[in-house]
Amino acid sequence: MALAALALVMSTSASSMAQQAQDLDSLTQRLFTAVRANDIATVRLVLTNGADPMAIDANGQTPAGIAIDRRVR
């Protein structure tokens, strides 16, 4: 029973994450692109205009997480 509940939660979470990734607005999409390109000026611009730094992409990553990962490497 517990395993079935866990499986349901996990599948719902994955489904929810995928839906969130599909629903990213264009500012937030530009934020992901700018972070990956290390384009600081565009990162500032889109954040100032309302992009969500905690949005989740199809890989389960946030722009903030990507920036941290890039910094660490």
C-alpha atoms as a PDB file:
ATOM      1  CA  MET A   1       0.000   0.000   0.000  1.00  0.00           C
ATOM      2  CA  ALA A   2       2.735   2.453   0.941  1.00  0.00           C
ATOM      3  CA  LEU A   3       4.626   1.661  -2.252  1.00  0.00           C
ATOM      4  CA  ALA A   4       1.535   2.363  -4.341  1.00  0.00           C
ATOM      5  CA  ALA A   5       1.085   5.725  -2.622  1.00  0.00           C
ATOM      6  CA  LEU A   6       4.743   6.572  -3.171  1.00  0.00           C
ATOM      7  CA  ALA A   7       4.478   5.639  -6.846  1.00  0.00           C
ATOM      8  CA  LEU A   8       1.397   7.844  -7.228  1.00  0.00           C
ATOM      9  CA  VAL A   9       3.115  10.812  -5.566  1.00  0.00           C
ATOM     10  CA  MET A  10       6.219  10.353  -7.697  1.00  0.00           C
ATOM     11  CA  SER A  11       4.251  10.107 -10.942  1.00  0.00           C
ATOM     12  CA  THR A  12       2.147  13.131 -10.008  1.00  0.00           C
ATOM     13  CA  SER A  13       5.268  15.121  -9.159  1.00  0.00           C
ATOM     14  CA  ALA A  14       6.931  14.180 -12.442  1.00  0.00           C
ATOM     15  CA  SER A  15       3.772  15.026 -14.349  1.00  0.00           C
ATOM     16  CA  SER A  16       3.459  18.352 -12.545  1.00  0.00           C
ATOM     17  CA  MET A  17       7.110  19.174 -13.253  1.00  0.00           C
ATOM     18  CA  ALA A  18       6.679  18.386 -16.941  1.00  0.00           C
ATOM     19  CA  GLN A  19       3.586  20.595 -17.112  1.00  0.00           C
ATOM     20  CA  GLN A  20       5.428  23.448 -15.406  1.00  0.00           C
ATOM     21  CA  ALA A  21       8.260  23.143 -17.929  1.00  0.00           C
ATOM     22  CA  GLN A  22       5.812  23.333 -20.823  1.00  0.00           C
ATOM     23  CA  ASP A  23       4.136  26.375 -19.316  1.00  0.00           C
ATOM     24  CA  LEU A  24       7.247  28.532 -18.928  1.00  0.00           C
ATOM     25  CA  ASP A  25       6.581  32.006 -20.212  1.00  0.00           C
ATOM     26  CA  SER A  26       8.871  33.588 -22.779  1.00  0.00           C
ATOM     27  CA  LEU A  27      10.719  35.728 -20.200  1.00  0.00           C
ATOM     28  CA  THR A  28      11.529  32.666 -18.159  1.00  0.00           C
ATOM     29  CA  GLN A  29      12.573  30.756 -21.276  1.00  0.00           C
ATOM     30  CA  ARG A  30      14.892  33.663 -22.107  1.00  0.00           C
ATOM     31  CA  LEU A  31      16.253  33.448 -18.556  1.00  0.00           C
ATOM     32  CA  PHE A  32      17.147  29.767 -19.000  1.00  0.00           C
ATOM     33  CA  THR A  33      18.842  30.561 -22.305  1.00  0.00           C
ATOM     34  CA  ALA A  34      20.758  33.514 -20.863  1.00  0.00           C
ATOM     35  CA  VAL A  35      21.932  31.557 -17.815  1.00  0.00           C
ATOM     36  CA  ARG A  36      23.176  28.703 -19.998  1.00  0.00           C
ATOM     37  CA  ALA A  37      24.989  31.214 -22.231  1.00  0.00           C
ATOM     38  CA  ASN A  38      26.370  33.109 -19.203  1.00  0.00           C
ATOM     39  CA  ASP A  39      24.790  36.293 -20.616  1.00  0.00           C
ATOM     40  CA  ILE A  40      24.652  38.377 -17.441  1.00  0.00           C
ATOM     41  CA  ALA A  41      23.097  41.455 -19.062  1.00  0.00           C
ATOM     42  CA  THR A  42      20.143  39.441 -20.372  1.00  0.00           C
ATOM     43  CA  VAL A  43      19.799  37.593 -17.044  1.00  0.00           C
ATOM     44  CA  ARG A  44      19.467  40.955 -15.281  1.00  0.00           C
ATOM     45  CA  LEU A  45      17.043  42.275 -17.891  1.00  0.00           C
ATOM     46  CA  VAL A  46      14.642  39.335 -17.818  1.00  0.00           C
ATOM     47  CA  LEU A  47      14.749  39.055 -14.011  1.00  0.00           C
ATOM     48  CA  THR A  48      13.954  42.755 -13.730  1.00  0.00           C
ATOM     49  CA  ASN A  49      11.005  42.218 -16.067  1.00  0.00           C
ATOM     50  CA  GLY A  50       9.549  39.313 -14.110  1.00  0.00           C
ATOM     51  CA  ALA A  51      11.233  36.062 -15.172  1.00  0.00           C
ATOM     52  CA  ASP A  52      11.004  33.375 -12.492  1.00  0.00           C
ATOM     53  CA  PRO A  53      14.445  32.291 -11.196  1.00  0.00           C
ATOM     54  CA  MET A  54      12.853  29.291  -9.450  1.00  0.00           C
ATOM     55  CA  ALA A  55      10.933  27.958 -12.485  1.00  0.00           C
ATOM     56  CA  ILE A  56      11.597  24.320 -13.327  1.00  0.00           C
ATOM     57  CA  ASP A  57      12.561  23.160 -16.832  1.00  0.00           C
ATOM     58  CA  ALA A  58      11.943  19.761 -18.434  1.00  0.00           C
ATOM     59  CA  ASN A  59      15.158  18.466 -16.836  1.00  0.00           C
ATOM     60  CA  GLY A  60      14.001  19.461 -13.363  1.00  0.00           C
ATOM     61  CA  GLN A  61      16.463  22.339 -13.186  1.00  0.00           C
ATOM     62  CA  THR A  62      15.965  25.950 -12.145  1.00  0.00           C
ATOM     63  CA  PRO A  63      17.897  28.878 -13.633  1.00  0.00           C
ATOM     64  CA  ALA A  64      19.425  29.419 -10.197  1.00  0.00           C
ATOM     65  CA  GLY A  65      20.520  25.772 -10.032  1.00  0.00           C
ATOM     66  CA  ILE A  66      22.021  25.921 -13.515  1.00  0.00           C
ATOM     67  CA  ALA A  67      23.950  29.069 -12.585  1.00  0.00           C
ATOM     68  CA  ILE A  68      25.289  27.406  -9.440  1.00  0.00           C
ATOM     69  CA  ASP A  69      26.281  24.279 -11.376  1.00  0.00           C
ATOM     70  CA  ARG A  70      28.099  26.381 -13.984  1.00  0.00           C
ATOM     71  CA  ARG A  71      29.933  28.283 -11.237  1.00  0.00           C
ATOM     72  CA  VAL A  72      31.071  25.090  -9.507  1.00  0.00           C
ATOM     73  CA  ARG A  73      32.553  23.492 -12.623  1.00  0.00           C
END
